[in-house]
């Protein structure tokens, strides 16, 4: 694989992240605000663990579909 191909895939993936984030904010802004308020109450380590679990789940799912 050429570096140009990989950078194109990375750019496409980042664009999809922006679309999904924007969709959540557009479709359910109040729910998003509530979720952020609850996240502010959580300990940083718990948020870090949640983020790590989300990354691992995403990587595993990516392996399944790729």
C-alpha atoms as a PDB file:
ATOM      1  CA  UNK A   1       0.000   0.000   0.000  1.00  0.00           C
ATOM      2  CA  UNK A   2       1.234   3.424  -0.856  1.00  0.00           C
ATOM      3  CA  UNK A   3       1.381   6.162   1.784  1.00  0.00           C
ATOM      4  CA  UNK A   4      -1.024   8.243  -0.329  1.00  0.00           C
ATOM      5  CA  UNK A   5      -3.647   5.480  -0.168  1.00  0.00           C
ATOM      6  CA  UNK A   6      -3.276   5.197   3.607  1.00  0.00           C
ATOM      7  CA  UNK A   7      -3.535   8.955   4.089  1.00  0.00           C
ATOM      8  CA  UNK A   8      -6.682   8.990   1.937  1.00  0.00           C
ATOM      9  CA  UNK A   9      -8.241   6.263   4.105  1.00  0.00           C
ATOM     10  CA  UNK A  10      -7.273   8.122   7.266  1.00  0.00           C
ATOM     11  CA  UNK A  11      -8.781  11.353   5.944  1.00  0.00           C
ATOM     12  CA  UNK A  12     -11.972   9.499   4.992  1.00  0.00           C
ATOM     13  CA  UNK A  13     -12.190   7.933   8.454  1.00  0.00           C
ATOM     14  CA  UNK A  14     -11.732  11.307  10.157  1.00  0.00           C
ATOM     15  CA  UNK A  15     -14.424  12.809   7.927  1.00  0.00           C
ATOM     16  CA  UNK A  16     -16.812  10.033   8.952  1.00  0.00           C
ATOM     17  CA  UNK A  17     -16.079  10.764  12.618  1.00  0.00           C
ATOM     18  CA  UNK A  18     -17.041  14.398  12.019  1.00  0.00           C
ATOM     19  CA  UNK A  19     -20.245  13.355  10.252  1.00  0.00           C
ATOM     20  CA  UNK A  20     -21.252  11.045  13.111  1.00  0.00           C
ATOM     21  CA  UNK A  21     -20.391  13.632  15.780  1.00  0.00           C
ATOM     22  CA  UNK A  22     -22.342  16.270  13.894  1.00  0.00           C
ATOM     23  CA  UNK A  23     -25.298  13.936  13.441  1.00  0.00           C
ATOM     24  CA  UNK A  24     -25.510  13.309  17.178  1.00  0.00           C
ATOM     25  CA  UNK A  25     -25.391  17.027  17.934  1.00  0.00           C
ATOM     26  CA  UNK A  26     -27.949  17.793  15.220  1.00  0.00           C
ATOM     27  CA  UNK A  27     -30.389  14.995  16.096  1.00  0.00           C
ATOM     28  CA  UNK A  28     -30.254  15.050  19.894  1.00  0.00           C
ATOM     29  CA  UNK A  29     -28.638  18.203  21.317  1.00  0.00           C
ATOM     30  CA  UNK A  30     -30.389  17.968  24.712  1.00  0.00           C
ATOM     31  CA  UNK A  31     -29.357  14.349  25.192  1.00  0.00           C
ATOM     32  CA  UNK A  32     -25.803  15.266  24.269  1.00  0.00           C
ATOM     33  CA  UNK A  33     -25.815  18.085  26.837  1.00  0.00           C
ATOM     34  CA  UNK A  34     -27.119  15.706  29.507  1.00  0.00           C
ATOM     35  CA  UNK A  35     -24.437  13.174  28.635  1.00  0.00           C
ATOM     36  CA  UNK A  36     -21.708  15.828  28.894  1.00  0.00           C
ATOM     37  CA  UNK A  37     -23.036  16.995  32.283  1.00  0.00           C
ATOM     38  CA  UNK A  38     -22.884  13.402  33.530  1.00  0.00           C
ATOM     39  CA  UNK A  39     -19.387  12.953  32.106  1.00  0.00           C
ATOM     40  CA  UNK A  40     -18.224  16.045  34.005  1.00  0.00           C
ATOM     41  CA  UNK A  41     -19.230  14.304  37.240  1.00  0.00           C
ATOM     42  CA  UNK A  42     -17.091  11.249  36.479  1.00  0.00           C
ATOM     43  CA  UNK A  43     -13.506  10.735  37.570  1.00  0.00           C
ATOM     44  CA  UNK A  44     -10.948  11.243  34.766  1.00  0.00           C
ATOM     45  CA  UNK A  45      -9.640   7.693  35.198  1.00  0.00           C
ATOM     46  CA  UNK A  46     -13.118   6.266  34.616  1.00  0.00           C
ATOM     47  CA  UNK A  47     -13.439   8.349  31.447  1.00  0.00           C
ATOM     48  CA  UNK A  48      -9.999   7.157  30.351  1.00  0.00           C
ATOM     49  CA  UNK A  49     -11.036   3.524  30.862  1.00  0.00           C
ATOM     50  CA  UNK A  50     -14.254   4.127  28.923  1.00  0.00           C
ATOM     51  CA  UNK A  51     -12.215   5.677  26.107  1.00  0.00           C
ATOM     52  CA  UNK A  52      -9.804   2.733  26.069  1.00  0.00           C
ATOM     53  CA  UNK A  53     -12.681   0.240  25.929  1.00  0.00           C
ATOM     54  CA  UNK A  54     -14.283   2.216  23.076  1.00  0.00           C
ATOM     55  CA  UNK A  55     -10.983   2.239  21.143  1.00  0.00           C
ATOM     56  CA  UNK A  56     -10.457  -1.502  21.595  1.00  0.00           C
ATOM     57  CA  UNK A  57     -14.056  -2.228  20.577  1.00  0.00           C
ATOM     58  CA  UNK A  58     -13.643  -0.015  17.516  1.00  0.00           C
ATOM     59  CA  UNK A  59     -10.398  -1.717  16.521  1.00  0.00           C
ATOM     60  CA  UNK A  60     -11.940  -5.172  16.950  1.00  0.00           C
ATOM     61  CA  UNK A  61     -14.973  -4.177  14.888  1.00  0.00           C
ATOM     62  CA  UNK A  62     -12.708  -2.702  12.234  1.00  0.00           C
ATOM     63  CA  UNK A  63     -10.845  -6.018  12.026  1.00  0.00           C
ATOM     64  CA  UNK A  64     -14.144  -7.844  11.579  1.00  0.00           C
ATOM     65  CA  UNK A  65     -15.358  -5.649   8.733  1.00  0.00           C
ATOM     66  CA  UNK A  66     -12.013  -5.133   7.011  1.00  0.00           C
END
